[in-house]
Amino acid sequence: MNNELTVGFPSLSRNESLARGVAAQFVSLMDPTVEELSDVRTAVSEAVTNAIVHGYGGAGGTVTMKLVSEGDLFTVTVSDEGRGIGDIERAMKPFYTTDPQSERSGLGFSVMEAFMDSVSVVSAPGEGTSVTMKKLLRRE
């Protein structure tokens, strides 16, 4: 049976763990392996952190997370209405960061791509960013 959940929360760093927990609980209903569950938690953590840190840059706003299960396919979309990305291709390259003075490594999108089967980004400057990640669960 298909399932869908949409949640919104303030762009506060402490809500990253909330989002990770919600995603883990949602995907657990699909009977994932321990590795798949860990992969989803890690990817969601990176996407939400990107929205909070790069989307809003501490200015505050709302992060929205939409979770969908369709058979064995899990899809999560993390969206913000923040600054947006001018050059998505460049932003997705390893070690690229918009804040080189911080301790950020510029590996967020690389991590998402490593743990999920697909990652797509839609964004425009001043209009926010939407990151959609998909994972096909391979039940044992």
C-alpha atoms as a PDB file:
ATOM      1  CA  MET A   1       0.000   0.000   0.000  1.00  0.00           C
ATOM      2  CA  ASN A   2       1.276   3.473  -0.834  1.00  0.00           C
ATOM      3  CA  ASN A   3       1.792   5.990   1.937  1.00  0.00           C
ATOM      4  CA  GLU A   4       2.601   9.711   2.052  1.00  0.00           C
ATOM      5  CA  LEU A   5       3.516  12.211   4.767  1.00  0.00           C
ATOM      6  CA  THR A   6       4.442  15.895   4.559  1.00  0.00           C
ATOM      7  CA  VAL A   7       5.936  17.742   7.516  1.00  0.00           C
ATOM      8  CA  GLY A   8       7.235  21.276   7.918  1.00  0.00           C
ATOM      9  CA  PHE A   9       9.516  22.588  10.642  1.00  0.00           C
ATOM     10  CA  PRO A  10      11.522  25.720  11.446  1.00  0.00           C
ATOM     11  CA  SER A  11      15.009  25.870   9.930  1.00  0.00           C
ATOM     12  CA  LEU A  12      16.763  25.323  13.241  1.00  0.00           C
ATOM     13  CA  SER A  13      19.784  23.033  13.408  1.00  0.00           C
ATOM     14  CA  ARG A  14      18.218  21.023  16.236  1.00  0.00           C
ATOM     15  CA  ASN A  15      15.389  20.028  13.883  1.00  0.00           C
ATOM     16  CA  GLU A  16      17.810  18.095  11.671  1.00  0.00           C
ATOM     17  CA  SER A  17      17.648  15.175  14.120  1.00  0.00           C
ATOM     18  CA  LEU A  18      13.839  15.475  14.196  1.00  0.00           C
ATOM     19  CA  ALA A  19      13.693  15.180  10.387  1.00  0.00           C
ATOM     20  CA  ARG A  20      16.100  12.229  10.417  1.00  0.00           C
ATOM     21  CA  GLY A  21      13.946  10.470  13.024  1.00  0.00           C
ATOM     22  CA  VAL A  22      10.684  11.107  11.157  1.00  0.00           C
ATOM     23  CA  ALA A  23      12.204   9.777   7.916  1.00  0.00           C
ATOM     24  CA  ALA A  24      13.594   6.711   9.683  1.00  0.00           C
ATOM     25  CA  GLN A  25      10.250   5.933  11.300  1.00  0.00           C
ATOM     26  CA  PHE A  26       8.413   6.413   7.999  1.00  0.00           C
ATOM     27  CA  VAL A  27      10.764   4.185   5.992  1.00  0.00           C
ATOM     28  CA  SER A  28      10.748   1.564   8.768  1.00  0.00           C
ATOM     29  CA  LEU A  29       7.117   0.881   7.813  1.00  0.00           C
ATOM     30  CA  MET A  30       8.525  -0.411   4.490  1.00  0.00           C
ATOM     31  CA  ASP A  31      10.616  -3.080   6.272  1.00  0.00           C
ATOM     32  CA  PRO A  32      14.067  -1.898   5.117  1.00  0.00           C
ATOM     33  CA  THR A  33      17.350  -3.562   5.951  1.00  0.00           C
ATOM     34  CA  VAL A  34      19.439  -1.952   8.692  1.00  0.00           C
ATOM     35  CA  GLU A  35      21.798  -0.626   6.003  1.00  0.00           C
ATOM     36  CA  GLU A  36      18.936   0.915   3.996  1.00  0.00           C
ATOM     37  CA  LEU A  37      17.556   2.570   7.114  1.00  0.00           C
ATOM     38  CA  SER A  38      20.977   4.016   7.901  1.00  0.00           C
ATOM     39  CA  ASP A  39      21.372   5.229   4.300  1.00  0.00           C
ATOM     40  CA  VAL A  40      18.049   7.097   4.432  1.00  0.00           C
ATOM     41  CA  ARG A  41      18.863   8.689   7.790  1.00  0.00           C
ATOM     42  CA  THR A  42      22.244   9.899   6.518  1.00  0.00           C
ATOM     43  CA  ALA A  43      20.912  11.298   3.233  1.00  0.00           C
ATOM     44  CA  VAL A  44      17.983  13.081   4.925  1.00  0.00           C
ATOM     45  CA  SER A  45      20.362  14.550   7.482  1.00  0.00           C
ATOM     46  CA  GLU A  46      22.530  16.018   4.707  1.00  0.00           C
ATOM     47  CA  ALA A  47      19.573  17.402   2.748  1.00  0.00           C
ATOM     48  CA  VAL A  48      17.986  19.043   5.783  1.00  0.00           C
ATOM     49  CA  THR A  49      21.323  20.462   6.941  1.00  0.00           C
ATOM     50  CA  ASN A  50      21.852  21.958   3.472  1.00  0.00           C
ATOM     51  CA  ALA A  51      18.410  23.589   3.592  1.00  0.00           C
ATOM     52  CA  ILE A  52      19.065  25.062   7.038  1.00  0.00           C
ATOM     53  CA  VAL A  53      22.667  26.182   6.515  1.00  0.00           C
ATOM     54  CA  HIS A  54      22.774  27.116   2.834  1.00  0.00           C
ATOM     55  CA  GLY A  55      19.104  27.748   2.060  1.00  0.00           C
ATOM     56  CA  TYR A  56      18.425  30.075   4.932  1.00  0.00           C
ATOM     57  CA  GLY A  57      21.895  30.848   6.252  1.00  0.00           C
ATOM     58  CA  GLY A  58      20.571  31.324   9.770  1.00  0.00           C
ATOM     59  CA  ALA A  59      17.898  33.784   8.634  1.00  0.00           C
ATOM     60  CA  GLY A  60      15.063  31.460   9.562  1.00  0.00           C
ATOM     61  CA  GLY A  61      12.333  29.902   7.479  1.00  0.00           C
ATOM     62  CA  THR A  62      10.536  26.624   7.022  1.00  0.00           C
ATOM     63  CA  VAL A  63      11.939  23.346   5.762  1.00  0.00           C
ATOM     64  CA  THR A  64       9.379  20.977   4.266  1.00  0.00           C
ATOM     65  CA  MET A  65       9.924  17.242   3.964  1.00  0.00           C
ATOM     66  CA  LYS A  66       7.634  15.044   1.879  1.00  0.00           C
ATOM     67  CA  LEU A  67       7.976  11.276   2.295  1.00  0.00           C
ATOM     68  CA  VAL A  68       6.369   8.791  -0.093  1.00  0.00           C
ATOM     69  CA  SER A  69       6.340   4.999  -0.243  1.00  0.00           C
ATOM     70  CA  GLU A  70       5.189   3.300  -3.426  1.00  0.00           C
ATOM     71  CA  GLY A  71       5.698  -0.436  -3.205  1.00  0.00           C
ATOM     72  CA  ASP A  72       9.446  -0.848  -2.578  1.00  0.00           C
ATOM     73  CA  LEU A  73      10.311   2.694  -3.719  1.00  0.00           C
ATOM     74  CA  PHE A  74      10.972   5.319  -1.043  1.00  0.00           C
ATOM     75  CA  THR A  75      11.047   8.980  -2.106  1.00  0.00           C
ATOM     76  CA  VAL A  76      11.861  11.963   0.080  1.00  0.00           C
ATOM     77  CA  THR A  77      11.806  15.594  -1.013  1.00  0.00           C
ATOM     78  CA  VAL A  78      13.376  18.258   1.197  1.00  0.00           C
ATOM     79  CA  SER A  79      12.456  21.829   0.244  1.00  0.00           C
ATOM     80  CA  ASP A  80      13.188  25.335   1.436  1.00  0.00           C
ATOM     81  CA  GLU A  81      12.168  28.806   0.268  1.00  0.00           C
ATOM     82  CA  GLY A  82      15.597  30.287   0.891  1.00  0.00           C
ATOM     83  CA  ARG A  83      18.393  31.716  -1.232  1.00  0.00           C
ATOM     84  CA  GLY A  84      18.355  29.060  -3.927  1.00  0.00           C
ATOM     85  CA  ILE A  85      21.251  27.804  -6.045  1.00  0.00           C
ATOM     86  CA  GLY A  86      22.485  29.669  -9.121  1.00  0.00           C
ATOM     87  CA  ASP A  87      24.614  26.843 -10.550  1.00  0.00           C
ATOM     88  CA  ILE A  88      23.272  23.444  -9.493  1.00  0.00           C
ATOM     89  CA  GLU A  89      25.884  21.468 -11.430  1.00  0.00           C
ATOM     90  CA  ARG A  90      28.711  23.324  -9.686  1.00  0.00           C
ATOM     91  CA  ALA A  91      27.031  23.064  -6.272  1.00  0.00           C
ATOM     92  CA  MET A  92      26.792  19.281  -6.629  1.00  0.00           C
ATOM     93  CA  LYS A  93      30.530  18.865  -7.221  1.00  0.00           C
ATOM     94  CA  PRO A  94      32.486  17.443  -4.280  1.00  0.00           C
ATOM     95  CA  PHE A  95      34.126  20.018  -1.993  1.00  0.00           C
ATOM     96  CA  TYR A  96      32.148  22.979  -3.394  1.00  0.00           C
ATOM     97  CA  THR A  97      30.817  25.187  -0.605  1.00  0.00           C
ATOM     98  CA  THR A  98      29.139  28.558  -0.454  1.00  0.00           C
ATOM     99  CA  ASP A  99      30.851  29.252   2.851  1.00  0.00           C
ATOM    100  CA  PRO A 100      34.581  28.420   2.638  1.00  0.00           C
ATOM    101  CA  GLN A 101      35.223  30.176   5.980  1.00  0.00           C
ATOM    102  CA  SER A 102      33.109  27.654   7.869  1.00  0.00           C
ATOM    103  CA  GLU A 103      33.915  24.084   8.787  1.00  0.00           C
ATOM    104  CA  ARG A 104      31.663  22.750   6.008  1.00  0.00           C
ATOM    105  CA  SER A 105      33.350  20.240   3.701  1.00  0.00           C
ATOM    106  CA  GLY A 106      31.202  20.687   0.600  1.00  0.00           C
ATOM    107  CA  LEU A 107      30.275  16.997   0.472  1.00  0.00           C
ATOM    108  CA  GLY A 108      26.532  17.163   1.202  1.00  0.00           C
ATOM    109  CA  PHE A 109      25.309  16.296  -2.296  1.00  0.00           C
ATOM    110  CA  SER A 110      28.053  13.683  -2.711  1.00  0.00           C
ATOM    111  CA  VAL A 111      26.915  11.972   0.479  1.00  0.00           C
ATOM    112  CA  MET A 112      23.281  12.042  -0.673  1.00  0.00           C
ATOM    113  CA  GLU A 113      24.265  10.500  -4.012  1.00  0.00           C
ATOM    114  CA  ALA A 114      26.351   7.813  -2.290  1.00  0.00           C
ATOM    115  CA  PHE A 115      23.504   6.645  -0.057  1.00  0.00           C
ATOM    116  CA  MET A 116      20.472   7.013  -2.336  1.00  0.00           C
ATOM    117  CA  ASP A 117      19.725   5.590  -5.797  1.00  0.00           C
ATOM    118  CA  SER A 118      18.952   8.983  -7.309  1.00  0.00           C
ATOM    119  CA  VAL A 119      19.197  12.636  -6.311  1.00  0.00           C
ATOM    120  CA  SER A 120      17.657  15.502  -8.264  1.00  0.00           C
ATOM    121  CA  VAL A 121      17.777  19.189  -7.452  1.00  0.00           C
ATOM    122  CA  VAL A 122      15.477  21.990  -8.593  1.00  0.00           C
ATOM    123  CA  SER A 123      16.461  25.502  -7.571  1.00  0.00           C
ATOM    124  CA  ALA A 124      16.618  29.126  -8.614  1.00  0.00           C
ATOM    125  CA  PRO A 125      18.223  32.118  -6.879  1.00  0.00           C
ATOM    126  CA  GLY A 126      15.773  33.739  -4.484  1.00  0.00           C
ATOM    127  CA  GLU A 127      13.200  30.980  -4.969  1.00  0.00           C
ATOM    128  CA  GLY A 128      14.502  28.173  -2.780  1.00  0.00           C
ATOM    129  CA  THR A 129      15.645  24.636  -3.412  1.00  0.00           C
ATOM    130  CA  SER A 130      13.984  21.243  -3.633  1.00  0.00           C
ATOM    131  CA  VAL A 131      16.055  18.052  -3.339  1.00  0.00           C
ATOM    132  CA  THR A 132      14.326  14.780  -4.275  1.00  0.00           C
ATOM    133  CA  MET A 133      16.005  11.502  -3.336  1.00  0.00           C
ATOM    134  CA  LYS A 134      14.851   7.992  -4.174  1.00  0.00           C
ATOM    135  CA  LYS A 135      15.825   4.585  -2.858  1.00  0.00           C
ATOM    136  CA  LEU A 136      14.562   1.209  -4.026  1.00  0.00           C
ATOM    137  CA  LEU A 137      14.441  -1.073  -1.004  1.00  0.00           C
ATOM    138  CA  ARG A 138      15.831  -4.509  -1.679  1.00  0.00           C
ATOM    139  CA  ARG A 139      14.181  -6.637   0.926  1.00  0.00           C
ATOM    140  CA  GLU A 140      16.066  -9.694   2.063  1.00  0.00           C
END
